Amino acid sequence: MKSINIYVILIGIFSYSLCSCEGSFERTTEIDQVVTLTLPENNQECFGVNLPNGKIEVNFDWEDVSDANTYTLEYIEIVSGNSFTETSSSSNLNLELEPGTQFSWTVTTIDATGNPISSDSFNFYTEGLADENHVPFPAEIDELNNNNNTLTITWNGSDLDNDIEFYDVFFSDQNPPTLLTPETTSQTQTVNIETSKTYYLNIRTVDKNGNFSDSKKIINIP
């Protein structure tokens, strides 16, 4: 059984009609916005260039940021937890990666005033998986304060095998959070909250083979 334990903070979701990790987008992002990732696409399998050494060359691409001199790309092998960083003077970088591996990646740069600008975190698989037993991607989470001492949580799970079995919802003001709703197939949950408190949320996505991923989020209620 494989598992993923990763914190996911979602700011926005961007999708493009190009379903690949090859190519290049050249756009300009205003300095007060986040870095917008383009390729590899989020929660997709990435078909790069197969190399003689058995690895895959993957093109990483993101939108330009005005006045940015360098970018730092961090990518993580999800199952092992190994993290790597690369720097680039442009909004494009080619890297050699292991095939059949799930990764997450982010990009950070510095604006003209010295403040860091970061991207969302994207997930992808490199092609060449030895089997069809893929670990689910971490669920993407949104929450809405209903202003009546309740919070509505929604999430979206994704798995290359399309074999998600259920979700476990953990939520409380303690860390780690307690199990609130086990083995639900719903993708929404309304919970009771109090003002001026911090809550901890974990959506566990479980597939038919018992593989699972955790999406954890800290929610501060003003």
N, C-alpha and C. Protein backbone atom coordinates (compact mmCIF):
# COMPACT_ATOMS: atom_id res chain seq x y z
N MET A 1 0.85 -1.20 0.00
CA MET A 1 0.00 0.00 0.00
C MET A 1 0.88 1.24 0.00
N LYS A 2 0.59 2.15 -0.90
CA LYS A 2 1.36 3.38 -0.99
C LYS A 2 0.56 4.52 -0.37
N SER A 3 1.25 5.50 0.18
CA SER A 3 0.55 6.63 0.77
C SER A 3 1.32 7.90 0.53
N ILE A 4 0.59 9.01 0.55
CA ILE A 4 1.17 10.34 0.41
C ILE A 4 0.70 11.17 1.57
N ASN A 5 1.59 11.94 2.16
CA ASN A 5 1.24 12.85 3.24
C ASN A 5 1.81 14.20 2.88
N ILE A 6 0.96 15.12 2.46
CA ILE A 6 1.45 16.40 1.94
C ILE A 6 0.49 17.51 2.29
N TYR A 7 1.03 18.68 2.64
CA TYR A 7 0.20 19.85 2.87
C TYR A 7 -0.08 20.51 1.54
N VAL A 8 -1.35 20.85 1.32
CA VAL A 8 -1.75 21.48 0.08
C VAL A 8 -2.48 22.76 0.41
N ILE A 9 -1.99 23.89 -0.08
CA ILE A 9 -2.68 25.16 0.07
C ILE A 9 -3.06 25.63 -1.31
N LEU A 10 -4.35 25.80 -1.54
CA LEU A 10 -4.84 26.11 -2.87
C LEU A 10 -5.22 27.57 -2.96
N ILE A 11 -4.71 28.24 -3.96
CA ILE A 11 -5.07 29.62 -4.22
C ILE A 11 -5.90 29.71 -5.48
N GLY A 12 -5.61 28.91 -6.45
CA GLY A 12 -6.37 28.96 -7.69
C GLY A 12 -6.03 27.75 -8.53
N ILE A 13 -6.88 27.45 -9.49
CA ILE A 13 -6.67 26.33 -10.38
C ILE A 13 -6.65 26.87 -11.80
N PHE A 14 -5.63 26.51 -12.56
CA PHE A 14 -5.50 27.00 -13.91
C PHE A 14 -5.47 25.81 -14.85
N SER A 15 -6.23 25.85 -15.92
CA SER A 15 -6.25 24.74 -16.87
C SER A 15 -6.07 25.29 -18.27
N TYR A 16 -5.45 24.47 -19.12
CA TYR A 16 -5.21 24.85 -20.49
C TYR A 16 -5.58 23.68 -21.38
N SER A 17 -5.84 23.96 -22.63
CA SER A 17 -6.27 22.93 -23.55
C SER A 17 -5.13 22.01 -23.94
N LEU A 18 -3.88 22.41 -23.74
CA LEU A 18 -2.74 21.58 -24.08
C LEU A 18 -2.55 20.53 -23.01
N CYS A 19 -2.79 19.25 -23.34
CA CYS A 19 -2.71 18.17 -22.36
C CYS A 19 -1.37 17.48 -22.49
N SER A 20 -0.31 18.15 -22.11
CA SER A 20 1.03 17.62 -22.24
C SER A 20 1.92 18.39 -21.31
N CYS A 21 3.21 17.99 -21.24
CA CYS A 21 4.17 18.77 -20.49
C CYS A 21 5.20 19.37 -21.42
N GLU A 22 4.95 19.33 -22.71
CA GLU A 22 5.87 19.90 -23.67
C GLU A 22 5.31 21.22 -24.19
N GLY A 23 6.21 22.13 -24.54
CA GLY A 23 5.77 23.40 -25.08
C GLY A 23 6.16 24.53 -24.16
N SER A 24 5.77 25.74 -24.53
CA SER A 24 6.17 26.90 -23.75
C SER A 24 5.11 27.98 -23.85
N PHE A 25 4.77 28.58 -22.70
CA PHE A 25 3.87 29.72 -22.67
C PHE A 25 4.68 30.94 -22.25
N GLU A 26 4.48 32.05 -22.89
CA GLU A 26 5.16 33.28 -22.52
C GLU A 26 4.12 34.34 -22.24
N ARG A 27 3.86 34.59 -20.96
CA ARG A 27 2.93 35.61 -20.55
C ARG A 27 3.58 36.43 -19.45
N THR A 28 3.01 37.55 -19.14
CA THR A 28 3.56 38.40 -18.09
C THR A 28 2.58 38.50 -16.94
N THR A 29 3.08 38.31 -15.72
CA THR A 29 2.27 38.39 -14.51
C THR A 29 2.59 39.69 -13.79
N GLU A 30 1.57 40.40 -13.32
CA GLU A 30 1.82 41.62 -12.55
C GLU A 30 2.59 41.26 -11.28
N ILE A 31 3.38 42.21 -10.81
CA ILE A 31 4.33 41.93 -9.75
C ILE A 31 3.65 41.56 -8.44
N ASP A 32 2.39 41.98 -8.22
CA ASP A 32 1.73 41.69 -6.95
C ASP A 32 0.91 40.42 -7.02
N GLN A 33 1.05 39.61 -8.05
CA GLN A 33 0.31 38.38 -8.18
C GLN A 33 1.22 37.19 -7.93
N VAL A 34 0.60 36.02 -7.83
CA VAL A 34 1.38 34.81 -7.64
C VAL A 34 2.02 34.40 -8.96
N VAL A 35 3.04 33.56 -8.87
CA VAL A 35 3.61 32.95 -10.06
C VAL A 35 2.62 31.91 -10.57
N THR A 36 2.28 31.97 -11.85
CA THR A 36 1.29 31.06 -12.42
C THR A 36 1.99 29.94 -13.18
N LEU A 37 1.80 28.71 -12.72
CA LEU A 37 2.40 27.55 -13.36
C LEU A 37 1.59 27.15 -14.59
N THR A 38 2.27 26.65 -15.61
CA THR A 38 1.57 26.22 -16.83
C THR A 38 1.84 24.75 -17.16
N LEU A 39 3.11 24.36 -17.22
CA LEU A 39 3.46 22.98 -17.56
C LEU A 39 4.56 22.47 -16.64
N PRO A 40 4.47 21.20 -16.19
CA PRO A 40 3.42 20.21 -16.42
C PRO A 40 2.10 20.61 -15.77
N GLU A 41 1.01 20.21 -16.37
CA GLU A 41 -0.30 20.56 -15.87
C GLU A 41 -0.61 19.84 -14.56
N ASN A 42 -1.50 20.42 -13.79
CA ASN A 42 -1.84 19.88 -12.49
C ASN A 42 -2.65 18.60 -12.60
N ASN A 43 -2.27 17.60 -11.80
CA ASN A 43 -2.98 16.32 -11.71
C ASN A 43 -3.11 15.62 -13.06
N GLN A 44 -2.02 15.64 -13.83
CA GLN A 44 -1.99 14.98 -15.13
C GLN A 44 -0.75 14.10 -15.23
N GLU A 45 -0.79 13.16 -16.18
CA GLU A 45 0.40 12.40 -16.51
C GLU A 45 1.21 13.19 -17.52
N CYS A 46 2.52 13.27 -17.31
CA CYS A 46 3.39 14.10 -18.12
C CYS A 46 4.17 13.24 -19.10
N PHE A 47 4.01 13.50 -20.39
CA PHE A 47 4.72 12.76 -21.43
C PHE A 47 5.87 13.62 -21.93
N GLY A 48 7.05 13.38 -21.39
CA GLY A 48 8.22 14.13 -21.78
C GLY A 48 8.99 13.43 -22.88
N VAL A 49 10.30 13.65 -22.91
CA VAL A 49 11.18 13.05 -23.91
C VAL A 49 11.96 11.91 -23.25
N ASN A 50 11.81 10.70 -23.78
CA ASN A 50 12.54 9.55 -23.24
C ASN A 50 14.02 9.66 -23.61
N LEU A 51 14.88 9.52 -22.61
CA LEU A 51 16.32 9.68 -22.81
C LEU A 51 17.03 8.32 -22.78
N PRO A 52 18.20 8.21 -23.41
CA PRO A 52 18.94 6.94 -23.42
C PRO A 52 19.30 6.43 -22.02
N ASN A 53 19.42 7.34 -21.04
CA ASN A 53 19.77 6.91 -19.69
C ASN A 53 18.59 6.38 -18.90
N GLY A 54 17.42 6.26 -19.55
CA GLY A 54 16.24 5.72 -18.90
C GLY A 54 15.38 6.76 -18.22
N LYS A 55 15.84 8.00 -18.17
CA LYS A 55 15.05 9.06 -17.54
C LYS A 55 14.18 9.77 -18.58
N ILE A 56 13.37 10.70 -18.10
CA ILE A 56 12.49 11.48 -18.96
C ILE A 56 12.82 12.96 -18.81
N GLU A 57 13.01 13.64 -19.94
CA GLU A 57 13.24 15.08 -19.89
C GLU A 57 11.89 15.79 -19.87
N VAL A 58 11.66 16.55 -18.82
CA VAL A 58 10.39 17.23 -18.61
C VAL A 58 10.60 18.73 -18.71
N ASN A 59 9.73 19.39 -19.46
CA ASN A 59 9.78 20.84 -19.59
C ASN A 59 8.88 21.48 -18.54
N PHE A 60 9.47 22.31 -17.67
CA PHE A 60 8.73 23.08 -16.68
C PHE A 60 8.57 24.51 -17.22
N ASP A 61 7.35 25.02 -17.17
CA ASP A 61 7.09 26.34 -17.73
C ASP A 61 6.11 27.08 -16.84
N TRP A 62 6.35 28.38 -16.68
CA TRP A 62 5.46 29.22 -15.88
C TRP A 62 5.45 30.62 -16.48
N GLU A 63 4.49 31.43 -16.06
CA GLU A 63 4.37 32.77 -16.62
C GLU A 63 5.47 33.69 -16.10
N ASP A 64 5.92 34.59 -16.98
CA ASP A 64 6.93 35.57 -16.59
C ASP A 64 6.41 36.49 -15.48
N VAL A 65 7.32 36.91 -14.61
CA VAL A 65 7.02 37.90 -13.59
C VAL A 65 7.88 39.14 -13.86
N SER A 66 7.26 40.30 -13.92
CA SER A 66 7.99 41.53 -14.22
C SER A 66 9.10 41.77 -13.20
N ASP A 67 10.27 42.17 -13.69
CA ASP A 67 11.43 42.55 -12.88
C ASP A 67 12.05 41.38 -12.12
N ALA A 68 11.62 40.16 -12.39
CA ALA A 68 12.23 39.01 -11.72
C ALA A 68 13.53 38.64 -12.43
N ASN A 69 14.61 38.49 -11.66
CA ASN A 69 15.90 38.14 -12.23
C ASN A 69 16.13 36.64 -12.25
N THR A 70 15.72 35.96 -11.20
CA THR A 70 15.88 34.51 -11.12
C THR A 70 14.63 33.88 -10.52
N TYR A 71 14.43 32.63 -10.83
CA TYR A 71 13.34 31.84 -10.28
C TYR A 71 13.92 30.60 -9.60
N THR A 72 13.29 30.18 -8.51
CA THR A 72 13.68 28.94 -7.83
C THR A 72 12.56 27.93 -7.99
N LEU A 73 12.87 26.82 -8.63
CA LEU A 73 11.90 25.74 -8.82
C LEU A 73 12.20 24.65 -7.81
N GLU A 74 11.21 24.29 -7.01
CA GLU A 74 11.34 23.18 -6.07
C GLU A 74 10.42 22.05 -6.53
N TYR A 75 10.97 20.86 -6.64
CA TYR A 75 10.13 19.71 -6.97
C TYR A 75 10.39 18.59 -5.97
N ILE A 76 9.33 17.86 -5.64
CA ILE A 76 9.37 16.86 -4.58
C ILE A 76 8.88 15.52 -5.12
N GLU A 77 9.64 14.46 -4.87
CA GLU A 77 9.16 13.11 -5.13
C GLU A 77 8.19 12.76 -4.01
N ILE A 78 6.91 12.64 -4.34
CA ILE A 78 5.87 12.58 -3.32
C ILE A 78 6.04 11.37 -2.40
N VAL A 79 6.25 10.19 -2.94
CA VAL A 79 6.30 8.99 -2.11
C VAL A 79 7.52 8.99 -1.20
N SER A 80 8.69 9.34 -1.74
CA SER A 80 9.92 9.33 -0.94
C SER A 80 10.06 10.57 -0.08
N GLY A 81 9.44 11.69 -0.51
CA GLY A 81 9.58 12.94 0.21
C GLY A 81 10.85 13.70 -0.13
N ASN A 82 11.66 13.18 -1.05
CA ASN A 82 12.90 13.85 -1.43
C ASN A 82 12.60 15.15 -2.17
N SER A 83 13.28 16.22 -1.78
CA SER A 83 13.04 17.55 -2.35
C SER A 83 14.30 18.04 -3.07
N PHE A 84 14.09 18.72 -4.21
CA PHE A 84 15.19 19.22 -5.02
C PHE A 84 14.87 20.65 -5.46
N THR A 85 15.89 21.47 -5.61
CA THR A 85 15.69 22.84 -6.08
C THR A 85 16.63 23.12 -7.25
N GLU A 86 16.12 23.93 -8.19
CA GLU A 86 16.89 24.39 -9.33
C GLU A 86 16.60 25.87 -9.53
N THR A 87 17.57 26.61 -10.05
CA THR A 87 17.36 28.02 -10.34
C THR A 87 17.41 28.26 -11.84
N SER A 88 16.70 29.30 -12.27
CA SER A 88 16.65 29.63 -13.69
C SER A 88 16.49 31.13 -13.84
N SER A 89 17.12 31.68 -14.87
CA SER A 89 16.97 33.11 -15.16
C SER A 89 15.79 33.38 -16.08
N SER A 90 15.16 32.32 -16.58
CA SER A 90 13.98 32.46 -17.44
C SER A 90 12.83 31.68 -16.85
N SER A 91 11.65 31.82 -17.45
CA SER A 91 10.46 31.13 -16.93
C SER A 91 10.28 29.77 -17.58
N ASN A 92 11.39 29.07 -17.76
CA ASN A 92 11.36 27.78 -18.43
C ASN A 92 12.58 26.98 -18.01
N LEU A 93 12.39 25.69 -17.76
CA LEU A 93 13.51 24.86 -17.31
C LEU A 93 13.24 23.41 -17.71
N ASN A 94 14.24 22.73 -18.26
CA ASN A 94 14.15 21.32 -18.59
C ASN A 94 14.92 20.50 -17.56
N LEU A 95 14.28 19.45 -17.03
CA LEU A 95 14.91 18.61 -16.03
C LEU A 95 14.76 17.14 -16.39
N GLU A 96 15.75 16.34 -16.01
CA GLU A 96 15.68 14.89 -16.19
C GLU A 96 15.10 14.26 -14.93
N LEU A 97 13.99 13.54 -15.08
CA LEU A 97 13.30 12.94 -13.94
C LEU A 97 13.15 11.44 -14.13
N GLU A 98 12.94 10.76 -13.01
CA GLU A 98 12.69 9.32 -13.06
C GLU A 98 11.31 9.05 -13.65
N PRO A 99 11.16 8.03 -14.49
CA PRO A 99 9.83 7.69 -15.02
C PRO A 99 8.97 7.03 -13.96
N GLY A 100 7.67 7.07 -14.17
CA GLY A 100 6.74 6.39 -13.28
C GLY A 100 6.75 6.92 -11.86
N THR A 101 6.89 8.23 -11.70
CA THR A 101 7.04 8.83 -10.38
C THR A 101 6.09 10.01 -10.24
N GLN A 102 5.51 10.16 -9.05
CA GLN A 102 4.64 11.31 -8.80
C GLN A 102 5.44 12.43 -8.16
N PHE A 103 5.25 13.63 -8.69
CA PHE A 103 5.96 14.81 -8.21
C PHE A 103 4.97 15.93 -7.88
N SER A 104 5.40 16.83 -7.00
CA SER A 104 4.77 18.14 -6.86
C SER A 104 5.84 19.18 -7.16
N TRP A 105 5.39 20.39 -7.60
CA TRP A 105 6.38 21.43 -7.90
C TRP A 105 5.82 22.81 -7.65
N THR A 106 6.70 23.72 -7.26
CA THR A 106 6.36 25.12 -7.03
C THR A 106 7.50 25.98 -7.57
N VAL A 107 7.18 27.25 -7.80
CA VAL A 107 8.19 28.22 -8.26
C VAL A 107 8.09 29.46 -7.37
N THR A 108 9.25 29.98 -6.97
CA THR A 108 9.33 31.19 -6.15
C THR A 108 10.29 32.17 -6.80
N THR A 109 9.98 33.45 -6.72
CA THR A 109 10.89 34.49 -7.18
C THR A 109 10.80 35.67 -6.22
N ILE A 110 11.60 36.70 -6.47
CA ILE A 110 11.64 37.89 -5.62
C ILE A 110 11.24 39.10 -6.46
N ASP A 111 10.33 39.93 -5.92
CA ASP A 111 9.91 41.11 -6.68
C ASP A 111 10.90 42.26 -6.50
N ALA A 112 10.59 43.40 -7.11
CA ALA A 112 11.52 44.53 -7.11
C ALA A 112 11.75 45.10 -5.72
N THR A 113 10.83 44.86 -4.79
CA THR A 113 10.97 45.38 -3.43
C THR A 113 11.57 44.36 -2.47
N GLY A 114 11.95 43.19 -3.00
CA GLY A 114 12.58 42.17 -2.17
C GLY A 114 11.63 41.20 -1.53
N ASN A 115 10.35 41.26 -1.89
CA ASN A 115 9.36 40.35 -1.32
C ASN A 115 9.24 39.09 -2.17
N PRO A 116 9.10 37.92 -1.53
CA PRO A 116 8.96 36.67 -2.29
C PRO A 116 7.59 36.55 -2.94
N ILE A 117 7.56 35.99 -4.13
CA ILE A 117 6.32 35.68 -4.85
C ILE A 117 6.33 34.19 -5.14
N SER A 118 5.28 33.50 -4.73
CA SER A 118 5.25 32.05 -4.88
C SER A 118 4.07 31.61 -5.73
N SER A 119 4.17 30.40 -6.23
CA SER A 119 3.10 29.80 -7.02
C SER A 119 2.28 28.86 -6.15
N ASP A 120 1.17 28.37 -6.72
CA ASP A 120 0.49 27.23 -6.14
C ASP A 120 1.38 26.00 -6.29
N SER A 121 0.98 24.90 -5.69
CA SER A 121 1.67 23.63 -5.85
C SER A 121 0.91 22.77 -6.85
N PHE A 122 1.60 22.30 -7.89
CA PHE A 122 1.02 21.41 -8.89
C PHE A 122 1.56 20.00 -8.68
N ASN A 123 0.75 19.00 -9.05
CA ASN A 123 1.14 17.60 -8.97
C ASN A 123 1.08 16.97 -10.36
N PHE A 124 1.98 16.01 -10.62
CA PHE A 124 1.94 15.29 -11.89
C PHE A 124 2.67 13.96 -11.75
N TYR A 125 2.36 13.04 -12.66
CA TYR A 125 3.09 11.79 -12.79
C TYR A 125 3.94 11.84 -14.06
N THR A 126 5.16 11.32 -13.99
CA THR A 126 5.92 11.10 -15.21
C THR A 126 5.47 9.78 -15.82
N GLU A 127 5.49 9.70 -17.14
CA GLU A 127 5.04 8.49 -17.82
C GLU A 127 5.97 7.32 -17.52
N GLY A 128 5.49 6.12 -17.83
CA GLY A 128 6.33 4.95 -17.68
C GLY A 128 6.11 4.19 -16.40
N LEU A 129 4.90 4.31 -15.81
CA LEU A 129 4.60 3.57 -14.59
C LEU A 129 4.63 2.07 -14.85
N ALA A 130 5.22 1.35 -13.92
CA ALA A 130 5.36 -0.09 -14.10
C ALA A 130 4.05 -0.83 -13.91
N ASP A 131 3.09 -0.22 -13.23
CA ASP A 131 1.81 -0.88 -13.00
C ASP A 131 0.71 0.16 -13.09
N GLU A 132 -0.51 -0.28 -12.90
CA GLU A 132 -1.66 0.62 -12.97
C GLU A 132 -2.22 0.92 -11.60
N ASN A 133 -1.38 0.77 -10.58
CA ASN A 133 -1.80 0.98 -9.20
C ASN A 133 -1.24 2.31 -8.71
N HIS A 134 -1.85 3.41 -9.17
CA HIS A 134 -1.34 4.74 -8.87
C HIS A 134 -1.89 5.26 -7.55
N VAL A 135 -1.08 6.00 -6.84
CA VAL A 135 -1.54 6.69 -5.64
C VAL A 135 -2.41 7.88 -6.06
N PRO A 136 -3.55 8.12 -5.40
CA PRO A 136 -4.37 9.29 -5.75
C PRO A 136 -3.59 10.59 -5.56
N PHE A 137 -3.93 11.59 -6.37
CA PHE A 137 -3.39 12.92 -6.13
C PHE A 137 -4.03 13.49 -4.86
N PRO A 138 -3.31 14.34 -4.12
CA PRO A 138 -3.93 15.00 -2.97
C PRO A 138 -5.15 15.82 -3.40
N ALA A 139 -6.22 15.73 -2.64
CA ALA A 139 -7.46 16.43 -2.99
C ALA A 139 -7.26 17.94 -2.93
N GLU A 140 -7.95 18.65 -3.81
CA GLU A 140 -7.93 20.11 -3.82
C GLU A 140 -9.09 20.61 -2.97
N ILE A 141 -8.79 21.46 -2.00
CA ILE A 141 -9.75 21.84 -0.96
C ILE A 141 -10.13 23.31 -1.08
N ASP A 142 -11.42 23.59 -0.89
CA ASP A 142 -11.93 24.95 -0.72
C ASP A 142 -12.84 24.97 0.50
N GLU A 143 -12.95 26.14 1.12
CA GLU A 143 -13.86 26.26 2.25
C GLU A 143 -14.57 27.59 2.20
N LEU A 144 -15.79 27.63 2.74
CA LEU A 144 -16.62 28.82 2.75
C LEU A 144 -17.18 29.03 4.14
N ASN A 145 -16.88 30.19 4.73
CA ASN A 145 -17.45 30.56 6.03
C ASN A 145 -18.86 31.07 5.80
N ASN A 146 -19.85 30.38 6.35
CA ASN A 146 -21.25 30.74 6.14
C ASN A 146 -21.71 31.87 7.06
N ASN A 147 -20.81 32.35 7.94
CA ASN A 147 -21.11 33.45 8.86
C ASN A 147 -22.26 33.14 9.80
N ASN A 148 -22.45 31.86 10.08
CA ASN A 148 -23.46 31.44 11.06
C ASN A 148 -22.90 30.34 11.96
N ASN A 149 -21.58 30.44 12.21
CA ASN A 149 -20.85 29.45 13.01
C ASN A 149 -20.78 28.09 12.34
N THR A 150 -20.86 28.09 11.02
CA THR A 150 -20.62 26.86 10.27
C THR A 150 -19.67 27.15 9.11
N LEU A 151 -18.98 26.12 8.68
CA LEU A 151 -18.04 26.21 7.58
C LEU A 151 -18.35 25.08 6.60
N THR A 152 -18.48 25.42 5.33
CA THR A 152 -18.72 24.41 4.30
C THR A 152 -17.41 24.10 3.59
N ILE A 153 -17.02 22.84 3.64
CA ILE A 153 -15.77 22.38 3.03
C ILE A 153 -16.12 21.58 1.78
N THR A 154 -15.46 21.88 0.69
CA THR A 154 -15.62 21.09 -0.54
C THR A 154 -14.23 20.67 -1.01
N TRP A 155 -14.18 19.55 -1.71
CA TRP A 155 -12.90 19.07 -2.21
C TRP A 155 -13.11 18.29 -3.50
N ASN A 156 -12.02 18.13 -4.22
CA ASN A 156 -12.06 17.41 -5.49
C ASN A 156 -10.89 16.44 -5.53
N GLY A 157 -11.19 15.15 -5.61
CA GLY A 157 -10.16 14.13 -5.69
C GLY A 157 -9.87 13.74 -7.12
N SER A 158 -8.65 13.25 -7.36
CA SER A 158 -8.25 12.86 -8.70
C SER A 158 -7.30 11.68 -8.62
N ASP A 159 -7.47 10.72 -9.54
CA ASP A 159 -6.62 9.53 -9.59
C ASP A 159 -6.50 9.10 -11.04
N LEU A 160 -5.28 8.83 -11.49
CA LEU A 160 -5.09 8.42 -12.88
C LEU A 160 -5.83 7.13 -13.21
N ASP A 161 -6.05 6.28 -12.21
CA ASP A 161 -6.76 5.02 -12.43
C ASP A 161 -8.27 5.18 -12.35
N ASN A 162 -8.74 6.36 -11.91
CA ASN A 162 -10.18 6.60 -11.71
C ASN A 162 -10.79 5.55 -10.79
N ASP A 163 -10.07 5.21 -9.71
CA ASP A 163 -10.58 4.17 -8.81
C ASP A 163 -10.64 4.66 -7.36
N ILE A 164 -10.98 5.94 -7.16
CA ILE A 164 -11.16 6.45 -5.80
C ILE A 164 -12.34 5.74 -5.16
N GLU A 165 -12.12 5.21 -3.96
CA GLU A 165 -13.14 4.44 -3.26
C GLU A 165 -13.94 5.31 -2.29
N PHE A 166 -13.24 6.12 -1.48
CA PHE A 166 -13.93 6.97 -0.51
C PHE A 166 -12.95 8.00 0.03
N TYR A 167 -13.49 8.90 0.87
CA TYR A 167 -12.69 9.92 1.54
C TYR A 167 -12.90 9.79 3.06
N ASP A 168 -11.85 10.02 3.82
CA ASP A 168 -11.95 10.19 5.26
C ASP A 168 -11.74 11.67 5.57
N VAL A 169 -12.66 12.24 6.36
CA VAL A 169 -12.59 13.66 6.70
C VAL A 169 -12.17 13.80 8.16
N PHE A 170 -11.03 14.44 8.37
CA PHE A 170 -10.53 14.72 9.72
C PHE A 170 -10.65 16.23 9.95
N PHE A 171 -11.27 16.61 11.08
CA PHE A 171 -11.45 18.04 11.35
C PHE A 171 -11.62 18.26 12.84
N SER A 172 -10.82 19.17 13.41
CA SER A 172 -10.97 19.55 14.81
C SER A 172 -10.05 20.73 15.09
N ASP A 173 -10.12 21.23 16.33
CA ASP A 173 -9.22 22.31 16.74
C ASP A 173 -7.95 21.76 17.37
N GLN A 174 -7.73 20.47 17.22
CA GLN A 174 -6.51 19.83 17.69
C GLN A 174 -5.69 19.35 16.50
N ASN A 175 -4.37 19.31 16.68
CA ASN A 175 -3.48 18.84 15.62
C ASN A 175 -2.68 17.65 16.14
N PRO A 176 -2.82 16.46 15.53
CA PRO A 176 -3.59 16.17 14.32
C PRO A 176 -5.09 16.14 14.59
N PRO A 177 -5.90 16.43 13.57
CA PRO A 177 -7.35 16.47 13.77
C PRO A 177 -7.93 15.07 13.94
N THR A 178 -9.09 15.02 14.58
CA THR A 178 -9.77 13.74 14.80
C THR A 178 -10.63 13.39 13.58
N LEU A 179 -10.92 12.11 13.45
CA LEU A 179 -11.75 11.64 12.33
C LEU A 179 -13.19 12.08 12.55
N LEU A 180 -13.71 12.87 11.62
CA LEU A 180 -15.07 13.38 11.71
C LEU A 180 -16.04 12.52 10.91
N THR A 181 -15.69 12.22 9.67
CA THR A 181 -16.57 11.43 8.79
C THR A 181 -15.74 10.38 8.07
N PRO A 182 -15.92 9.10 8.40
CA PRO A 182 -15.14 8.06 7.73
C PRO A 182 -15.83 7.57 6.46
N GLU A 183 -15.02 7.19 5.49
CA GLU A 183 -15.45 6.47 4.29
C GLU A 183 -16.67 7.08 3.61
N THR A 184 -16.60 8.38 3.35
CA THR A 184 -17.68 9.05 2.65
C THR A 184 -17.35 9.15 1.16
N THR A 185 -18.37 9.08 0.33
CA THR A 185 -18.19 9.30 -1.11
C THR A 185 -18.58 10.71 -1.51
N SER A 186 -19.08 11.48 -0.55
CA SER A 186 -19.42 12.87 -0.80
C SER A 186 -18.14 13.69 -0.93
N GLN A 187 -18.27 14.86 -1.54
CA GLN A 187 -17.13 15.77 -1.64
C GLN A 187 -17.47 17.13 -1.04
N THR A 188 -18.35 17.10 -0.04
CA THR A 188 -18.68 18.31 0.69
C THR A 188 -19.03 17.95 2.13
N GLN A 189 -18.73 18.86 3.04
CA GLN A 189 -18.99 18.64 4.46
C GLN A 189 -19.19 19.99 5.13
N THR A 190 -20.25 20.12 5.94
CA THR A 190 -20.48 21.32 6.72
C THR A 190 -20.15 21.02 8.17
N VAL A 191 -19.32 21.87 8.78
CA VAL A 191 -18.85 21.64 10.14
C VAL A 191 -19.16 22.86 11.00
N ASN A 192 -19.28 22.63 12.30
CA ASN A 192 -19.50 23.72 13.25
C ASN A 192 -18.16 24.34 13.65
N ILE A 193 -18.14 25.66 13.78
CA ILE A 193 -16.92 26.37 14.14
C ILE A 193 -17.22 27.44 15.17
N GLU A 194 -16.17 27.96 15.80
CA GLU A 194 -16.27 29.08 16.72
C GLU A 194 -15.31 30.17 16.26
N THR A 195 -15.64 31.41 16.57
CA THR A 195 -14.78 32.52 16.17
C THR A 195 -13.48 32.51 16.97
N SER A 196 -12.47 33.12 16.40
CA SER A 196 -11.15 33.29 17.04
C SER A 196 -10.51 31.95 17.40
N LYS A 197 -10.71 30.97 16.53
CA LYS A 197 -10.10 29.66 16.76
C LYS A 197 -9.40 29.18 15.50
N THR A 198 -8.46 28.27 15.68
CA THR A 198 -7.74 27.65 14.58
C THR A 198 -8.17 26.19 14.47
N TYR A 199 -8.48 25.78 13.24
CA TYR A 199 -8.91 24.40 13.00
C TYR A 199 -7.95 23.72 12.03
N TYR A 200 -7.91 22.40 12.15
CA TYR A 200 -7.03 21.59 11.32
C TYR A 200 -7.88 20.62 10.51
N LEU A 201 -7.63 20.60 9.22
CA LEU A 201 -8.42 19.79 8.29
C LEU A 201 -7.51 18.84 7.53
N ASN A 202 -7.97 17.62 7.36
CA ASN A 202 -7.26 16.65 6.52
C ASN A 202 -8.30 15.86 5.73
N ILE A 203 -8.18 15.91 4.41
CA ILE A 203 -9.01 15.08 3.54
C ILE A 203 -8.14 13.94 3.03
N ARG A 204 -8.47 12.73 3.42
CA ARG A 204 -7.72 11.55 2.98
C ARG A 204 -8.46 10.89 1.82
N THR A 205 -7.79 10.77 0.69
CA THR A 205 -8.35 10.13 -0.50
C THR A 205 -7.84 8.70 -0.58
N VAL A 206 -8.75 7.73 -0.61
CA VAL A 206 -8.39 6.31 -0.59
C VAL A 206 -8.91 5.64 -1.85
N ASP A 207 -8.04 4.87 -2.54
CA ASP A 207 -8.49 4.18 -3.74
C ASP A 207 -8.82 2.72 -3.44
N LYS A 208 -9.22 1.98 -4.46
CA LYS A 208 -9.69 0.61 -4.27
C LYS A 208 -8.58 -0.34 -3.85
N ASN A 209 -7.31 0.06 -4.06
CA ASN A 209 -6.18 -0.78 -3.66
C ASN A 209 -5.63 -0.41 -2.29
N GLY A 210 -6.29 0.53 -1.61
CA GLY A 210 -5.83 0.94 -0.29
C GLY A 210 -4.78 2.03 -0.31
N ASN A 211 -4.36 2.49 -1.50
CA ASN A 211 -3.44 3.62 -1.57
C ASN A 211 -4.16 4.89 -1.14
N PHE A 212 -3.46 5.79 -0.48
CA PHE A 212 -4.13 7.01 -0.05
C PHE A 212 -3.18 8.20 -0.07
N SER A 213 -3.78 9.38 -0.17
CA SER A 213 -3.04 10.64 -0.05
C SER A 213 -3.77 11.53 0.93
N ASP A 214 -3.02 12.37 1.65
CA ASP A 214 -3.58 13.29 2.62
C ASP A 214 -3.43 14.72 2.14
N SER A 215 -4.50 15.49 2.24
CA SER A 215 -4.48 16.93 1.94
C SER A 215 -4.79 17.66 3.23
N LYS A 216 -3.80 18.37 3.77
CA LYS A 216 -3.94 19.00 5.08
C LYS A 216 -3.99 20.52 4.93
N LYS A 217 -4.82 21.13 5.75
CA LYS A 217 -4.98 22.58 5.68
C LYS A 217 -5.26 23.14 7.06
N ILE A 218 -4.65 24.28 7.35
CA ILE A 218 -4.90 25.00 8.60
C ILE A 218 -5.87 26.14 8.30
N ILE A 219 -6.97 26.21 9.05
CA ILE A 219 -8.01 27.20 8.81
C ILE A 219 -8.14 28.08 10.04
N ASN A 220 -7.88 29.37 9.88
CA ASN A 220 -8.01 30.33 10.97
C ASN A 220 -9.34 31.06 10.85
N ILE A 221 -10.15 30.99 11.90
CA ILE A 221 -11.44 31.67 11.93
C ILE A 221 -11.28 32.98 12.68
N PRO A 222 -11.54 34.12 12.05
CA PRO A 222 -11.36 35.41 12.73
C PRO A 222 -12.42 35.64 13.80
